[in-house]
């Protein structure tokens, strides 16, 4: 039986996870990958497709500058601001 012990976080998250960089990856990594990972990704793609079919979109700032940031994966440092307009 597993019992939650908040004492293991007293010296920080890094010590609690034993320096495991994959501890907070939502679907896991390697041999411990979640069995629902592909299903969840497919559902996200379907939801995004449905949103884009029902809406037209335009970026907020024409002065947007792509600025990639290196973390565990490459992502946009400041995000992408998008406004959705409902198609009448």
N, C-alpha and C. Protein backbone atom coordinates (compact mmCIF):
# COMPACT_ATOMS: atom_id res chain seq x y z
N UNK A 1 0.84 -1.17 0.00
CA UNK A 1 0.00 0.00 0.00
C UNK A 1 0.89 1.24 0.00
N UNK A 2 0.56 2.22 -0.85
CA UNK A 2 1.32 3.45 -0.94
C UNK A 2 0.65 4.52 -0.09
N UNK A 3 1.42 5.19 0.72
CA UNK A 3 0.91 6.27 1.56
C UNK A 3 1.65 7.55 1.20
N UNK A 4 0.89 8.63 0.96
CA UNK A 4 1.51 9.90 0.62
C UNK A 4 2.24 10.45 1.83
N UNK A 5 3.48 10.82 1.65
CA UNK A 5 4.28 11.40 2.73
C UNK A 5 4.83 12.74 2.26
N UNK A 6 4.30 13.81 2.82
CA UNK A 6 4.77 15.13 2.41
C UNK A 6 6.17 15.44 2.95
N UNK A 7 6.68 14.65 3.86
CA UNK A 7 8.02 14.86 4.40
C UNK A 7 9.10 14.69 3.33
N UNK A 8 8.84 13.86 2.34
CA UNK A 8 9.87 13.65 1.32
C UNK A 8 10.09 14.89 0.46
N UNK A 9 9.16 15.86 0.50
CA UNK A 9 9.31 17.11 -0.24
C UNK A 9 9.99 18.20 0.59
N UNK A 10 10.36 17.90 1.83
CA UNK A 10 10.94 18.91 2.72
C UNK A 10 12.28 19.45 2.21
N UNK A 11 13.00 18.68 1.42
CA UNK A 11 14.28 19.14 0.87
C UNK A 11 14.17 19.51 -0.60
N UNK A 12 12.95 19.67 -1.10
CA UNK A 12 12.75 20.09 -2.48
C UNK A 12 12.26 18.95 -3.36
N UNK A 13 11.71 19.35 -4.49
CA UNK A 13 11.14 18.38 -5.43
C UNK A 13 12.22 17.51 -6.06
N UNK A 14 13.38 18.09 -6.35
CA UNK A 14 14.46 17.32 -6.99
C UNK A 14 14.87 16.13 -6.13
N UNK A 15 14.99 16.35 -4.83
CA UNK A 15 15.35 15.25 -3.93
C UNK A 15 14.21 14.23 -3.83
N UNK A 16 12.97 14.73 -3.81
CA UNK A 16 11.82 13.83 -3.68
C UNK A 16 11.68 12.92 -4.89
N UNK A 17 12.04 13.41 -6.05
CA UNK A 17 11.93 12.60 -7.27
C UNK A 17 13.24 11.91 -7.61
N UNK A 18 14.21 12.02 -6.72
CA UNK A 18 15.53 11.40 -6.90
C UNK A 18 16.17 11.85 -8.20
N UNK A 19 16.04 13.17 -8.49
CA UNK A 19 16.63 13.79 -9.68
C UNK A 19 16.11 13.19 -10.98
N UNK A 20 14.94 12.58 -10.96
CA UNK A 20 14.34 11.97 -12.14
C UNK A 20 13.67 13.06 -12.98
N UNK A 21 14.26 13.39 -14.13
CA UNK A 21 13.74 14.46 -14.99
C UNK A 21 12.37 14.11 -15.58
N UNK A 22 12.02 12.84 -15.65
CA UNK A 22 10.76 12.43 -16.26
C UNK A 22 9.63 12.30 -15.25
N UNK A 23 9.87 12.67 -14.00
CA UNK A 23 8.87 12.48 -12.96
C UNK A 23 7.58 13.24 -13.21
N UNK A 24 7.65 14.39 -13.85
CA UNK A 24 6.46 15.20 -14.05
C UNK A 24 6.02 15.29 -15.51
N UNK A 25 6.44 14.36 -16.34
CA UNK A 25 5.96 14.29 -17.72
C UNK A 25 4.60 13.58 -17.66
N UNK A 26 3.52 14.23 -18.12
CA UNK A 26 2.17 13.72 -17.91
C UNK A 26 1.92 12.27 -18.33
N UNK A 27 2.47 11.84 -19.46
CA UNK A 27 2.19 10.49 -19.94
C UNK A 27 3.35 9.54 -19.70
N UNK A 28 4.35 9.97 -18.96
CA UNK A 28 5.49 9.12 -18.68
C UNK A 28 6.47 9.08 -19.84
N UNK A 29 7.46 8.24 -19.69
CA UNK A 29 8.51 8.15 -20.70
C UNK A 29 9.08 6.74 -20.69
N UNK A 30 9.59 6.31 -21.81
CA UNK A 30 10.24 5.00 -21.89
C UNK A 30 9.28 3.85 -21.69
N UNK A 31 9.67 2.88 -20.89
CA UNK A 31 8.85 1.68 -20.69
C UNK A 31 7.63 1.96 -19.82
N UNK A 32 7.59 3.12 -19.19
CA UNK A 32 6.47 3.47 -18.31
C UNK A 32 5.48 4.42 -18.97
N UNK A 33 5.44 4.44 -20.29
CA UNK A 33 4.52 5.32 -21.01
C UNK A 33 3.08 4.89 -20.76
N UNK A 34 2.21 5.85 -20.55
CA UNK A 34 0.79 5.60 -20.30
C UNK A 34 0.15 4.91 -21.50
N UNK A 35 -0.70 3.92 -21.23
CA UNK A 35 -1.35 3.19 -22.32
C UNK A 35 -2.36 4.07 -23.05
N UNK A 36 -2.84 5.14 -22.42
CA UNK A 36 -3.81 6.03 -23.05
C UNK A 36 -3.19 7.20 -23.77
N UNK A 37 -1.87 7.22 -23.90
CA UNK A 37 -1.17 8.35 -24.51
C UNK A 37 -1.65 8.61 -25.94
N UNK A 38 -1.64 7.59 -26.79
CA UNK A 38 -2.05 7.77 -28.19
C UNK A 38 -3.51 8.19 -28.28
N UNK A 39 -4.36 7.59 -27.44
CA UNK A 39 -5.78 7.95 -27.43
C UNK A 39 -5.96 9.42 -27.05
N UNK A 40 -5.25 9.88 -26.03
CA UNK A 40 -5.36 11.27 -25.59
C UNK A 40 -4.88 12.24 -26.67
N UNK A 41 -3.80 11.90 -27.35
CA UNK A 41 -3.29 12.75 -28.43
C UNK A 41 -4.29 12.80 -29.58
N UNK A 42 -4.88 11.66 -29.92
CA UNK A 42 -5.90 11.63 -30.99
C UNK A 42 -7.10 12.47 -30.61
N UNK A 43 -7.53 12.40 -29.35
CA UNK A 43 -8.67 13.20 -28.90
C UNK A 43 -8.35 14.69 -28.96
N UNK A 44 -7.14 15.07 -28.60
CA UNK A 44 -6.74 16.48 -28.68
C UNK A 44 -6.73 16.97 -30.13
N UNK A 45 -6.27 16.13 -31.05
CA UNK A 45 -6.27 16.49 -32.47
C UNK A 45 -7.70 16.68 -32.99
N UNK A 46 -8.60 15.78 -32.58
CA UNK A 46 -9.99 15.89 -33.01
C UNK A 46 -10.62 17.16 -32.45
N UNK A 47 -10.38 17.45 -31.18
CA UNK A 47 -10.93 18.66 -30.56
C UNK A 47 -10.41 19.91 -31.26
N UNK A 48 -9.12 19.96 -31.54
CA UNK A 48 -8.53 21.11 -32.23
C UNK A 48 -9.12 21.26 -33.63
N UNK A 49 -9.30 20.15 -34.33
CA UNK A 49 -9.89 20.20 -35.67
C UNK A 49 -11.30 20.75 -35.62
N UNK A 50 -12.09 20.32 -34.64
CA UNK A 50 -13.47 20.80 -34.52
C UNK A 50 -13.51 22.29 -34.18
N UNK A 51 -12.60 22.74 -33.33
CA UNK A 51 -12.54 24.16 -32.99
C UNK A 51 -12.19 24.98 -34.22
N UNK A 52 -11.22 24.53 -34.99
CA UNK A 52 -10.80 25.28 -36.17
C UNK A 52 -11.85 25.25 -37.28
N UNK A 53 -12.64 24.18 -37.36
CA UNK A 53 -13.70 24.12 -38.37
C UNK A 53 -14.83 25.10 -38.06
N UNK A 54 -15.10 25.32 -36.80
CA UNK A 54 -16.22 26.18 -36.39
C UNK A 54 -15.81 27.63 -36.22
N UNK A 55 -14.55 27.93 -36.32
CA UNK A 55 -14.07 29.28 -36.07
C UNK A 55 -13.06 29.69 -37.13
N UNK A 56 -12.93 30.99 -37.30
CA UNK A 56 -11.81 31.49 -38.09
C UNK A 56 -10.89 32.18 -37.09
N UNK A 57 -9.63 32.23 -37.36
CA UNK A 57 -8.73 32.80 -36.38
C UNK A 57 -7.76 33.78 -37.01
N UNK A 58 -7.28 34.67 -36.18
CA UNK A 58 -6.31 35.67 -36.62
C UNK A 58 -5.36 35.92 -35.45
N UNK A 59 -4.09 36.09 -35.71
CA UNK A 59 -3.15 36.36 -34.63
C UNK A 59 -3.36 37.77 -34.11
N UNK A 60 -3.10 37.98 -32.86
CA UNK A 60 -3.31 39.28 -32.24
C UNK A 60 -2.28 40.31 -32.68
N UNK A 61 -1.05 39.88 -32.79
CA UNK A 61 0.01 40.84 -33.05
C UNK A 61 0.72 40.54 -34.36
N UNK A 62 0.64 41.45 -35.34
CA UNK A 62 1.40 41.24 -36.57
C UNK A 62 2.90 41.38 -36.32
N UNK A 63 3.28 41.93 -35.19
CA UNK A 63 4.70 42.10 -34.85
C UNK A 63 5.25 40.89 -34.08
N UNK A 64 4.52 39.78 -34.10
CA UNK A 64 4.97 38.58 -33.38
C UNK A 64 6.33 38.13 -33.88
N UNK A 65 7.24 37.87 -32.97
CA UNK A 65 8.58 37.39 -33.31
C UNK A 65 8.74 36.00 -32.70
N UNK A 66 9.08 35.05 -33.53
CA UNK A 66 9.27 33.69 -33.03
C UNK A 66 10.50 33.65 -32.15
N UNK A 67 10.33 33.17 -30.92
CA UNK A 67 11.46 33.10 -29.99
C UNK A 67 11.43 31.75 -29.28
N UNK A 68 12.06 30.73 -29.88
CA UNK A 68 12.04 29.41 -29.25
C UNK A 68 12.86 29.39 -27.97
N UNK A 69 12.39 28.63 -27.01
CA UNK A 69 13.10 28.47 -25.74
C UNK A 69 13.40 26.99 -25.56
N UNK A 70 14.59 26.68 -25.15
CA UNK A 70 14.99 25.29 -24.94
C UNK A 70 14.74 24.89 -23.50
N UNK A 71 13.86 23.94 -23.30
CA UNK A 71 13.62 23.34 -22.00
C UNK A 71 13.77 21.84 -22.24
N UNK A 72 12.85 21.06 -21.71
CA UNK A 72 12.86 19.63 -22.01
C UNK A 72 12.51 19.43 -23.48
N UNK A 73 11.58 20.26 -23.97
CA UNK A 73 11.23 20.29 -25.39
C UNK A 73 11.30 21.73 -25.86
N UNK A 74 11.38 21.95 -27.15
CA UNK A 74 11.41 23.31 -27.68
C UNK A 74 9.99 23.87 -27.67
N UNK A 75 9.83 25.05 -27.13
CA UNK A 75 8.52 25.70 -27.14
C UNK A 75 8.72 27.20 -27.32
N UNK A 76 7.63 27.90 -27.55
CA UNK A 76 7.71 29.35 -27.75
C UNK A 76 7.85 30.02 -26.40
N UNK A 77 8.82 30.91 -26.28
CA UNK A 77 9.10 31.56 -25.01
C UNK A 77 7.91 32.40 -24.53
N UNK A 78 7.24 33.09 -25.44
CA UNK A 78 6.15 33.98 -25.05
C UNK A 78 4.79 33.47 -25.51
N UNK A 79 4.71 32.26 -26.02
CA UNK A 79 3.45 31.71 -26.50
C UNK A 79 3.03 32.34 -27.82
N UNK A 80 1.86 31.96 -28.29
CA UNK A 80 1.29 32.54 -29.50
C UNK A 80 -0.10 33.02 -29.13
N UNK A 81 -0.33 34.30 -29.28
CA UNK A 81 -1.63 34.86 -28.93
C UNK A 81 -2.53 34.81 -30.15
N UNK A 82 -3.66 34.13 -30.01
CA UNK A 82 -4.60 33.94 -31.12
C UNK A 82 -6.00 34.27 -30.64
N UNK A 83 -6.76 34.99 -31.48
CA UNK A 83 -8.17 35.25 -31.19
C UNK A 83 -9.01 34.39 -32.12
N UNK A 84 -10.03 33.74 -31.58
CA UNK A 84 -10.94 32.94 -32.38
C UNK A 84 -12.23 33.73 -32.60
N UNK A 85 -12.72 33.72 -33.82
CA UNK A 85 -13.99 34.37 -34.14
C UNK A 85 -14.96 33.30 -34.60
N UNK A 86 -16.16 33.28 -34.02
CA UNK A 86 -17.18 32.30 -34.39
C UNK A 86 -17.70 32.59 -35.78
N UNK A 87 -17.76 31.56 -36.62
CA UNK A 87 -18.32 31.71 -37.96
C UNK A 87 -19.84 31.76 -37.86
N UNK A 88 -20.44 32.77 -38.43
CA UNK A 88 -21.90 32.91 -38.36
C UNK A 88 -22.60 32.06 -39.39
